[in-house]
Amino acid sequence: MEEIKSERQKMIDGELYFAADPELTTARKFAREQMKLINREEDQLIRRQLVEETFGTTGTGSHIEPSISFDYGFNIHVGKNFYANFNSIFLDICPITIGDNCMFGPNAQLYTATHPLHPVKRNSGLEYGKPITLGNNVWLGGGVVITPGVTLGDNVVVAAGAVVTKSFPDNCVIGGNPAKIIKEIEVDEKRSPLTIQRDKINALDKQIVALLEERMDVVEAIASIKKTSDQPILDVTREKEVLGKIAGYIKNDKYEEVIKETYQGIMDASKQFQQKQMD
């Protein structure tokens, strides 16, 4: 027996569907409510949490400036360290998949939505879409438009104002309307193995410091609460609980001891900071 697809599933699969379907209408209404919350929220941590609740998937270290617009949100999937500048638009009728370490300039526009060419079919209310996929390390300049069905490979740079109407491979700079390859990017630089690994460490340290700053913001808030309620700095039960959770996050057993020692150092430094705040 042939399975009958919902209009939502037809939409995601890139088939003709009716946008006026009640389920989709409700989903769009919810998306607009989430957009208002995300774009009005000034606290970075809360805004990130709202984005994570709304998008299909999000990687660690993502940051999205206001304002952002989208149709549904659940069809947007972003990797680690994603950054979007002001006024991003995601028409996520079909999945929009974005790799790790991608950056968007202001007014970046990704359109998966399209319509039938025949006027009768178009006027009937039928719509459809095509997915957009961006690889790792993709940089979109300001005002870039990505049209339905485009796939960009790893390390692609798109010049400001470009209109991308077709797919492009890894390691190239593209620009214009319609976009075309401007130059190839040489990624196999002649660097020593040690330099390559140190560069990776430098990039990771930048991410770690940003996360530690966020953690210290929370530590400072906790110190204020403890000072107001006259609670002690050291909570042995809580400290053991945190270390237990950290151990559960570790996937490679040979790193467990050093990571737990490192994290103990972080907590000790946090306690010293809290004590200074309370004093």
C-alpha atoms as a PDB file:
ATOM      1  CA  MET A   1       0.000   0.000   0.000  1.00  0.00           C
ATOM      2  CA  GLU A   2       1.427   3.358  -1.033  1.00  0.00           C
ATOM      3  CA  GLU A   3       2.099   5.746   1.845  1.00  0.00           C
ATOM      4  CA  ILE A   4       0.259   9.062   1.669  1.00  0.00           C
ATOM      5  CA  LYS A   5       2.641  11.913   2.414  1.00  0.00           C
ATOM      6  CA  SER A   6       1.666  14.942   4.441  1.00  0.00           C
ATOM      7  CA  GLU A   7       2.056  18.357   2.817  1.00  0.00           C
ATOM      8  CA  ARG A   8       4.941  19.001   5.229  1.00  0.00           C
ATOM      9  CA  GLN A   9       6.791  15.888   4.039  1.00  0.00           C
ATOM     10  CA  LYS A  10       6.132  16.765   0.390  1.00  0.00           C
ATOM     11  CA  MET A  11       7.605  20.211   1.051  1.00  0.00           C
ATOM     12  CA  ILE A  12      10.748  18.824   2.690  1.00  0.00           C
ATOM     13  CA  ASP A  13      11.181  16.263  -0.110  1.00  0.00           C
ATOM     14  CA  GLY A  14      11.072  18.981  -2.789  1.00  0.00           C
ATOM     15  CA  GLU A  15       7.696  17.946  -4.207  1.00  0.00           C
ATOM     16  CA  LEU A  16       4.727  20.143  -5.069  1.00  0.00           C
ATOM     17  CA  TYR A  17       2.753  20.981  -1.935  1.00  0.00           C
ATOM     18  CA  PHE A  18       0.064  23.389  -0.702  1.00  0.00           C
ATOM     19  CA  ALA A  19       1.527  26.042   1.599  1.00  0.00           C
ATOM     20  CA  ALA A  20      -1.967  26.755   2.974  1.00  0.00           C
ATOM     21  CA  ASP A  21      -2.030  23.345   4.668  1.00  0.00           C
ATOM     22  CA  PRO A  22      -3.128  23.815   8.335  1.00  0.00           C
ATOM     23  CA  GLU A  23      -0.049  22.039   9.741  1.00  0.00           C
ATOM     24  CA  LEU A  24       2.290  24.273   7.756  1.00  0.00           C
ATOM     25  CA  THR A  25       0.283  27.392   8.609  1.00  0.00           C
ATOM     26  CA  THR A  26       0.654  26.572  12.312  1.00  0.00           C
ATOM     27  CA  ALA A  27       4.383  25.904  11.881  1.00  0.00           C
ATOM     28  CA  ARG A  28       4.910  29.270  10.167  1.00  0.00           C
ATOM     29  CA  LYS A  29       3.000  31.041  12.938  1.00  0.00           C
ATOM     30  CA  PHE A  30       5.228  29.416  15.556  1.00  0.00           C
ATOM     31  CA  ALA A  31       8.324  30.370  13.523  1.00  0.00           C
ATOM     32  CA  ARG A  32       7.270  34.016  13.506  1.00  0.00           C
ATOM     33  CA  GLU A  33       6.823  33.966  17.259  1.00  0.00           C
ATOM     34  CA  GLN A  34      10.320  32.494  17.626  1.00  0.00           C
ATOM     35  CA  MET A  35      11.748  35.120  15.271  1.00  0.00           C
ATOM     36  CA  LYS A  36      10.361  37.893  17.462  1.00  0.00           C
ATOM     37  CA  LEU A  37      11.877  36.331  20.578  1.00  0.00           C
ATOM     38  CA  ILE A  38      15.271  35.752  18.942  1.00  0.00           C
ATOM     39  CA  ASN A  39      15.543  39.202  17.375  1.00  0.00           C
ATOM     40  CA  ARG A  40      14.445  41.069  20.512  1.00  0.00           C
ATOM     41  CA  GLU A  41      16.633  39.127  22.948  1.00  0.00           C
ATOM     42  CA  GLU A  42      19.745  41.075  23.982  1.00  0.00           C
ATOM     43  CA  ASP A  43      21.301  38.363  26.137  1.00  0.00           C
ATOM     44  CA  GLN A  44      23.628  36.330  23.904  1.00  0.00           C
ATOM     45  CA  LEU A  45      23.214  33.084  25.849  1.00  0.00           C
ATOM     46  CA  ILE A  46      19.425  33.230  25.815  1.00  0.00           C
ATOM     47  CA  ARG A  47      19.347  34.143  22.115  1.00  0.00           C
ATOM     48  CA  ARG A  48      21.600  31.186  21.329  1.00  0.00           C
ATOM     49  CA  GLN A  49      19.295  28.906  23.322  1.00  0.00           C
ATOM     50  CA  LEU A  50      16.279  30.184  21.384  1.00  0.00           C
ATOM     51  CA  VAL A  51      18.079  29.517  18.099  1.00  0.00           C
ATOM     52  CA  GLU A  52      18.969  25.989  19.219  1.00  0.00           C
ATOM     53  CA  GLU A  53      15.320  25.350  20.120  1.00  0.00           C
ATOM     54  CA  THR A  54      14.137  26.628  16.737  1.00  0.00           C
ATOM     55  CA  PHE A  55      16.674  25.293  14.228  1.00  0.00           C
ATOM     56  CA  GLY A  56      16.810  21.656  13.190  1.00  0.00           C
ATOM     57  CA  THR A  57      20.382  21.269  14.466  1.00  0.00           C
ATOM     58  CA  THR A  58      23.113  23.646  15.641  1.00  0.00           C
ATOM     59  CA  GLY A  59      26.802  23.144  16.366  1.00  0.00           C
ATOM     60  CA  THR A  60      28.723  24.622  19.275  1.00  0.00           C
ATOM     61  CA  GLY A  61      30.005  28.168  19.105  1.00  0.00           C
ATOM     62  CA  SER A  62      27.337  29.543  16.771  1.00  0.00           C
ATOM     63  CA  HIS A  63      26.456  33.244  16.890  1.00  0.00           C
ATOM     64  CA  ILE A  64      23.714  34.969  14.929  1.00  0.00           C
ATOM     65  CA  GLU A  65      23.263  38.743  14.936  1.00  0.00           C
ATOM     66  CA  PRO A  66      19.772  40.236  14.756  1.00  0.00           C
ATOM     67  CA  SER A  67      17.735  40.226  12.776  1.00  0.00           C
ATOM     68  CA  ILE A  68      17.187  36.798  11.273  1.00  0.00           C
ATOM     69  CA  SER A  69      14.191  35.712   9.167  1.00  0.00           C
ATOM     70  CA  PHE A  70      13.065  32.204   8.255  1.00  0.00           C
ATOM     71  CA  ASP A  71       9.973  30.301   7.150  1.00  0.00           C
ATOM     72  CA  TYR A  72      10.058  27.369   9.570  1.00  0.00           C
ATOM     73  CA  GLY A  73      13.448  27.065  11.271  1.00  0.00           C
ATOM     74  CA  PHE A  74      13.323  23.280  11.611  1.00  0.00           C
ATOM     75  CA  ASN A  75      14.835  22.891   8.132  1.00  0.00           C
ATOM     76  CA  ILE A  76      17.954  24.900   9.053  1.00  0.00           C
ATOM     77  CA  HIS A  77      21.029  22.906  10.094  1.00  0.00           C
ATOM     78  CA  VAL A  78      24.254  24.707  11.014  1.00  0.00           C
ATOM     79  CA  GLY A  79      27.628  23.278  12.038  1.00  0.00           C
ATOM     80  CA  LYS A  80      30.199  24.410  14.576  1.00  0.00           C
ATOM     81  CA  ASN A  81      31.346  28.034  14.881  1.00  0.00           C
ATOM     82  CA  PHE A  82      28.682  29.423  12.576  1.00  0.00           C
ATOM     83  CA  TYR A  83      28.521  33.229  12.403  1.00  0.00           C
ATOM     84  CA  ALA A  84      25.816  35.267  10.677  1.00  0.00           C
ATOM     85  CA  ASN A  85      25.985  39.053  10.500  1.00  0.00           C
ATOM     86  CA  PHE A  86      22.923  41.323  10.504  1.00  0.00           C
ATOM     87  CA  ASN A  87      19.712  40.668   8.545  1.00  0.00           C
ATOM     88  CA  SER A  88      20.088  37.045   7.443  1.00  0.00           C
ATOM     89  CA  ILE A  89      17.219  35.481   5.475  1.00  0.00           C
ATOM     90  CA  PHE A  90      16.636  31.729   5.333  1.00  0.00           C
ATOM     91  CA  LEU A  91      13.690  30.565   3.219  1.00  0.00           C
ATOM     92  CA  ASP A  92      13.855  27.023   4.538  1.00  0.00           C
ATOM     93  CA  ILE A  93      11.089  25.292   2.592  1.00  0.00           C
ATOM     94  CA  CYS A  94      13.643  22.536   1.973  1.00  0.00           C
ATOM     95  CA  PRO A  95      16.665  21.774   4.162  1.00  0.00           C
ATOM     96  CA  ILE A  96      19.431  24.364   4.406  1.00  0.00           C
ATOM     97  CA  THR A  97      22.575  22.565   5.562  1.00  0.00           C
ATOM     98  CA  ILE A  98      25.620  24.624   6.573  1.00  0.00           C
ATOM     99  CA  GLY A  99      28.980  23.073   7.499  1.00  0.00           C
ATOM    100  CA  ASP A 100      31.495  23.989  10.193  1.00  0.00           C
ATOM    101  CA  ASN A 101      33.279  27.352  10.472  1.00  0.00           C
ATOM    102  CA  CYS A 102      31.017  29.201   8.033  1.00  0.00           C
ATOM    103  CA  MET A 103      30.606  32.993   8.049  1.00  0.00           C
ATOM    104  CA  PHE A 104      27.818  35.112   6.547  1.00  0.00           C
ATOM    105  CA  GLY A 105      28.128  38.813   5.830  1.00  0.00           C
ATOM    106  CA  PRO A 106      25.155  41.153   6.390  1.00  0.00           C
ATOM    107  CA  ASN A 107      22.013  40.611   4.293  1.00  0.00           C
ATOM    108  CA  ALA A 108      22.938  37.070   3.263  1.00  0.00           C
ATOM    109  CA  GLN A 109      19.934  35.424   1.620  1.00  0.00           C
ATOM    110  CA  LEU A 110      19.409  31.682   1.142  1.00  0.00           C
ATOM    111  CA  TYR A 111      16.310  30.748  -0.855  1.00  0.00           C
ATOM    112  CA  THR A 112      15.183  27.126  -1.138  1.00  0.00           C
ATOM    113  CA  ALA A 113      11.655  28.202  -2.107  1.00  0.00           C
ATOM    114  CA  THR A 114      10.489  28.367  -5.716  1.00  0.00           C
ATOM    115  CA  HIS A 115       7.284  28.131  -7.780  1.00  0.00           C
ATOM    116  CA  PRO A 116       6.055  26.363 -10.937  1.00  0.00           C
ATOM    117  CA  LEU A 117       6.811  28.178 -14.173  1.00  0.00           C
ATOM    118  CA  HIS A 118       3.369  27.503 -15.670  1.00  0.00           C
ATOM    119  CA  PRO A 119       1.019  30.322 -14.574  1.00  0.00           C
ATOM    120  CA  VAL A 120      -2.035  28.088 -14.039  1.00  0.00           C
ATOM    121  CA  LYS A 121      -0.159  25.704 -11.769  1.00  0.00           C
ATOM    122  CA  ARG A 122       1.558  28.602 -10.000  1.00  0.00           C
ATOM    123  CA  ASN A 123      -1.757  30.389  -9.388  1.00  0.00           C
ATOM    124  CA  SER A 124      -3.263  27.203  -7.949  1.00  0.00           C
ATOM    125  CA  GLY A 125      -1.223  27.663  -4.782  1.00  0.00           C
ATOM    126  CA  LEU A 126       1.186  24.814  -5.435  1.00  0.00           C
ATOM    127  CA  GLU A 127       4.794  25.467  -4.438  1.00  0.00           C
ATOM    128  CA  TYR A 128       7.998  23.476  -4.148  1.00  0.00           C
ATOM    129  CA  GLY A 129      11.627  23.878  -3.164  1.00  0.00           C
ATOM    130  CA  LYS A 130      15.176  22.630  -3.625  1.00  0.00           C
ATOM    131  CA  PRO A 131      17.709  22.176  -0.791  1.00  0.00           C
ATOM    132  CA  ILE A 132      20.801  24.329  -0.290  1.00  0.00           C
ATOM    133  CA  THR A 133      24.025  22.798   1.040  1.00  0.00           C
ATOM    134  CA  LEU A 134      27.182  24.663   2.063  1.00  0.00           C
ATOM    135  CA  GLY A 135      30.402  22.824   2.938  1.00  0.00           C
ATOM    136  CA  ASN A 136      32.893  23.670   5.670  1.00  0.00           C
ATOM    137  CA  ASN A 137      34.708  27.034   5.845  1.00  0.00           C
ATOM    138  CA  VAL A 138      32.328  28.799   3.455  1.00  0.00           C
ATOM    139  CA  TRP A 139      32.321  32.616   3.589  1.00  0.00           C
ATOM    140  CA  LEU A 140      29.428  34.576   2.097  1.00  0.00           C
ATOM    141  CA  GLY A 141      30.049  38.276   1.558  1.00  0.00           C
ATOM    142  CA  GLY A 142      27.432  40.943   2.211  1.00  0.00           C
ATOM    143  CA  GLY A 143      24.247  40.791   0.155  1.00  0.00           C
ATOM    144  CA  VAL A 144      24.930  37.353  -1.334  1.00  0.00           C
ATOM    145  CA  VAL A 145      21.917  35.488  -2.721  1.00  0.00           C
ATOM    146  CA  ILE A 146      21.938  31.678  -2.888  1.00  0.00           C
ATOM    147  CA  THR A 147      19.144  30.302  -5.082  1.00  0.00           C
ATOM    148  CA  PRO A 148      17.319  26.942  -4.772  1.00  0.00           C
ATOM    149  CA  GLY A 149      19.277  23.739  -5.311  1.00  0.00           C
ATOM    150  CA  VAL A 150      22.794  25.204  -4.943  1.00  0.00           C
ATOM    151  CA  THR A 151      25.615  23.225  -3.325  1.00  0.00           C
ATOM    152  CA  LEU A 152      28.919  24.906  -2.444  1.00  0.00           C
ATOM    153  CA  GLY A 153      31.990  22.835  -1.599  1.00  0.00           C
ATOM    154  CA  ASP A 154      34.461  23.347   1.233  1.00  0.00           C
ATOM    155  CA  ASN A 155      36.450  26.607   1.522  1.00  0.00           C
ATOM    156  CA  VAL A 156      34.333  28.499  -1.025  1.00  0.00           C
ATOM    157  CA  VAL A 157      34.380  32.318  -0.758  1.00  0.00           C
ATOM    158  CA  VAL A 158      31.472  34.213  -2.330  1.00  0.00           C
ATOM    159  CA  ALA A 159      32.106  37.873  -3.166  1.00  0.00           C
ATOM    160  CA  ALA A 160      29.716  40.525  -1.878  1.00  0.00           C
ATOM    161  CA  GLY A 161      26.590  41.009  -3.973  1.00  0.00           C
ATOM    162  CA  ALA A 162      26.961  37.727  -5.865  1.00  0.00           C
ATOM    163  CA  VAL A 163      23.891  35.815  -7.055  1.00  0.00           C
ATOM    164  CA  VAL A 164      24.708  32.109  -6.953  1.00  0.00           C
ATOM    165  CA  THR A 165      22.485  30.159  -9.344  1.00  0.00           C
ATOM    166  CA  LYS A 166      24.502  26.939  -9.706  1.00  0.00           C
ATOM    167  CA  SER A 167      26.754  24.698  -7.634  1.00  0.00           C
ATOM    168  CA  PHE A 168      30.529  25.118  -7.260  1.00  0.00           C
ATOM    169  CA  PRO A 169      33.324  22.774  -6.103  1.00  0.00           C
ATOM    170  CA  ASP A 170      35.799  23.118  -3.238  1.00  0.00           C
ATOM    171  CA  ASN A 171      38.471  25.810  -2.921  1.00  0.00           C
ATOM    172  CA  CYS A 172      37.342  28.644  -5.139  1.00  0.00           C
ATOM    173  CA  VAL A 173      36.346  32.316  -5.025  1.00  0.00           C
ATOM    174  CA  ILE A 174      33.140  33.100  -6.913  1.00  0.00           C
ATOM    175  CA  GLY A 175      31.373  36.373  -7.702  1.00  0.00           C
ATOM    176  CA  GLY A 176      29.076  38.220 -10.077  1.00  0.00           C
ATOM    177  CA  ASN A 177      25.511  37.793 -11.300  1.00  0.00           C
ATOM    178  CA  PRO A 178      25.222  34.998 -12.123  1.00  0.00           C
ATOM    179  CA  ALA A 179      28.233  33.940 -10.064  1.00  0.00           C
ATOM    180  CA  LYS A 180      31.254  32.371 -11.744  1.00  0.00           C
ATOM    181  CA  ILE A 181      34.694  31.275 -10.588  1.00  0.00           C
ATOM    182  CA  ILE A 182      37.082  34.201 -10.127  1.00  0.00           C
ATOM    183  CA  LYS A 183      40.082  32.277  -8.804  1.00  0.00           C
ATOM    184  CA  GLU A 184      41.150  28.999  -7.250  1.00  0.00           C
ATOM    185  CA  ILE A 185      42.256  28.849  -3.605  1.00  0.00           C
ATOM    186  CA  GLU A 186      45.531  27.088  -2.852  1.00  0.00           C
ATOM    187  CA  VAL A 187      44.975  25.332   0.467  1.00  0.00           C
ATOM    188  CA  ASP A 188      47.961  22.963   0.403  1.00  0.00           C
ATOM    189  CA  GLU A 189      50.491  25.457   1.690  1.00  0.00           C
ATOM    190  CA  LYS A 190      54.052  24.311   2.349  1.00  0.00           C
ATOM    191  CA  ARG A 191      53.987  24.265   6.125  1.00  0.00           C
ATOM    192  CA  SER A 192      55.764  21.949   8.508  1.00  0.00           C
ATOM    193  CA  PRO A 193      53.646  19.322  10.284  1.00  0.00           C
ATOM    194  CA  LEU A 194      54.379  21.070  13.599  1.00  0.00           C
ATOM    195  CA  THR A 195      53.195  24.445  12.263  1.00  0.00           C
ATOM    196  CA  ILE A 196      49.982  22.879  10.959  1.00  0.00           C
ATOM    197  CA  GLN A 197      49.194  21.378  14.369  1.00  0.00           C
ATOM    198  CA  ARG A 198      50.091  24.613  16.199  1.00  0.00           C
ATOM    199  CA  ASP A 199      47.750  26.551  13.924  1.00  0.00           C
ATOM    200  CA  LYS A 200      44.994  24.130  14.880  1.00  0.00           C
ATOM    201  CA  ILE A 201      45.808  24.724  18.558  1.00  0.00           C
ATOM    202  CA  ASN A 202      45.623  28.502  18.002  1.00  0.00           C
ATOM    203  CA  ALA A 203      42.190  28.205  16.395  1.00  0.00           C
ATOM    204  CA  LEU A 204      40.929  25.958  19.185  1.00  0.00           C
ATOM    205  CA  ASP A 205      42.334  28.296  21.874  1.00  0.00           C
ATOM    206  CA  LYS A 206      40.337  31.167  20.379  1.00  0.00           C
ATOM    207  CA  GLN A 207      37.135  29.127  20.667  1.00  0.00           C
ATOM    208  CA  ILE A 208      37.968  27.936  24.183  1.00  0.00           C
ATOM    209  CA  VAL A 209      38.659  31.467  25.444  1.00  0.00           C
ATOM    210  CA  ALA A 210      35.320  32.671  24.065  1.00  0.00           C
ATOM    211  CA  LEU A 211      33.513  29.843  25.856  1.00  0.00           C
ATOM    212  CA  LEU A 212      35.465  30.469  29.081  1.00  0.00           C
ATOM    213  CA  GLU A 213      34.429  34.128  28.987  1.00  0.00           C
ATOM    214  CA  GLU A 214      30.804  33.047  28.703  1.00  0.00           C
ATOM    215  CA  ARG A 215      31.316  30.645  31.607  1.00  0.00           C
ATOM    216  CA  MET A 216      32.852  33.398  33.740  1.00  0.00           C
ATOM    217  CA  ASP A 217      29.822  35.603  33.077  1.00  0.00           C
ATOM    218  CA  VAL A 218      27.732  32.856  34.673  1.00  0.00           C
ATOM    219  CA  VAL A 219      30.253  32.412  37.509  1.00  0.00           C
ATOM    220  CA  GLU A 220      30.002  36.126  38.285  1.00  0.00           C
ATOM    221  CA  ALA A 221      26.198  35.913  38.338  1.00  0.00           C
ATOM    222  CA  ILE A 222      26.389  32.944  40.744  1.00  0.00           C
ATOM    223  CA  ALA A 223      28.743  34.922  43.019  1.00  0.00           C
ATOM    224  CA  SER A 224      26.174  37.730  43.223  1.00  0.00           C
ATOM    225  CA  ILE A 225      23.432  35.253  44.128  1.00  0.00           C
ATOM    226  CA  LYS A 226      25.579  33.596  46.810  1.00  0.00           C
ATOM    227  CA  LYS A 227      26.554  36.968  48.248  1.00  0.00           C
ATOM    228  CA  THR A 228      22.920  38.066  48.477  1.00  0.00           C
ATOM    229  CA  SER A 229      21.781  34.801  50.052  1.00  0.00           C
ATOM    230  CA  ASP A 230      24.906  34.450  52.242  1.00  0.00           C
ATOM    231  CA  GLN A 231      25.873  31.066  50.808  1.00  0.00           C
ATOM    232  CA  PRO A 232      29.431  29.639  50.928  1.00  0.00           C
ATOM    233  CA  ILE A 233      31.643  29.598  47.847  1.00  0.00           C
ATOM    234  CA  LEU A 234      32.504  25.901  48.025  1.00  0.00           C
ATOM    235  CA  ASP A 235      29.730  23.406  47.386  1.00  0.00           C
ATOM    236  CA  VAL A 236      31.461  20.004  47.565  1.00  0.00           C
ATOM    237  CA  THR A 237      28.412  18.081  46.343  1.00  0.00           C
ATOM    238  CA  ARG A 238      27.997  20.346  43.329  1.00  0.00           C
ATOM    239  CA  GLU A 239      31.716  20.158  42.501  1.00  0.00           C
ATOM    240  CA  LYS A 240      31.652  16.347  42.498  1.00  0.00           C
ATOM    241  CA  GLU A 241      28.513  16.412  40.351  1.00  0.00           C
ATOM    242  CA  VAL A 242      30.177  18.669  37.765  1.00  0.00           C
ATOM    243  CA  LEU A 243      33.318  16.502  37.594  1.00  0.00           C
ATOM    244  CA  GLY A 244      31.144  13.418  37.178  1.00  0.00           C
ATOM    245  CA  LYS A 245      29.328  15.020  34.252  1.00  0.00           C
ATOM    246  CA  ILE A 246      32.618  16.090  32.678  1.00  0.00           C
ATOM    247  CA  ALA A 247      33.864  12.509  32.857  1.00  0.00           C
ATOM    248  CA  GLY A 248      30.695  11.396  31.084  1.00  0.00           C
ATOM    249  CA  TYR A 249      31.311  13.841  28.228  1.00  0.00           C
ATOM    250  CA  ILE A 250      34.789  12.459  27.491  1.00  0.00           C
ATOM    251  CA  LYS A 251      34.810  10.050  24.551  1.00  0.00           C
ATOM    252  CA  ASN A 252      38.501   9.127  24.528  1.00  0.00           C
ATOM    253  CA  ASP A 253      39.409   7.382  27.808  1.00  0.00           C
ATOM    254  CA  LYS A 254      43.112   8.212  27.562  1.00  0.00           C
ATOM    255  CA  TYR A 255      42.278  11.924  27.918  1.00  0.00           C
ATOM    256  CA  GLU A 256      40.052  11.499  30.999  1.00  0.00           C
ATOM    257  CA  GLU A 257      42.667  12.189  33.679  1.00  0.00           C
ATOM    258  CA  VAL A 258      44.154  15.280  32.058  1.00  0.00           C
ATOM    259  CA  ILE A 259      40.742  16.760  31.164  1.00  0.00           C
ATOM    260  CA  LYS A 260      39.423  16.238  34.697  1.00  0.00           C
ATOM    261  CA  GLU A 261      42.580  17.868  36.122  1.00  0.00           C
ATOM    262  CA  THR A 262      42.166  20.768  33.700  1.00  0.00           C
ATOM    263  CA  TYR A 263      38.540  21.196  34.661  1.00  0.00           C
ATOM    264  CA  GLN A 264      39.406  21.047  38.364  1.00  0.00           C
ATOM    265  CA  GLY A 265      41.802  23.927  37.701  1.00  0.00           C
ATOM    266  CA  ILE A 266      39.017  25.879  35.977  1.00  0.00           C
ATOM    267  CA  MET A 267      36.701  25.369  38.944  1.00  0.00           C
ATOM    268  CA  ASP A 268      39.432  26.331  41.429  1.00  0.00           C
ATOM    269  CA  ALA A 269      40.082  29.551  39.506  1.00  0.00           C
ATOM    270  CA  SER A 270      36.333  30.214  39.389  1.00  0.00           C
ATOM    271  CA  LYS A 271      36.081  29.805  43.182  1.00  0.00           C
ATOM    272  CA  GLN A 272      38.945  32.281  43.671  1.00  0.00           C
ATOM    273  CA  PHE A 273      37.194  34.749  41.360  1.00  0.00           C
ATOM    274  CA  GLN A 274      33.912  34.307  43.253  1.00  0.00           C
ATOM    275  CA  GLN A 275      35.689  34.866  46.567  1.00  0.00           C
ATOM    276  CA  LYS A 276      37.147  38.159  45.285  1.00  0.00           C
ATOM    277  CA  GLN A 277      33.684  39.241  44.144  1.00  0.00           C
ATOM    278  CA  MET A 278      32.162  38.415  47.545  1.00  0.00           C
ATOM    279  CA  ASP A 279      35.004  40.127  49.432  1.00  0.00           C
END
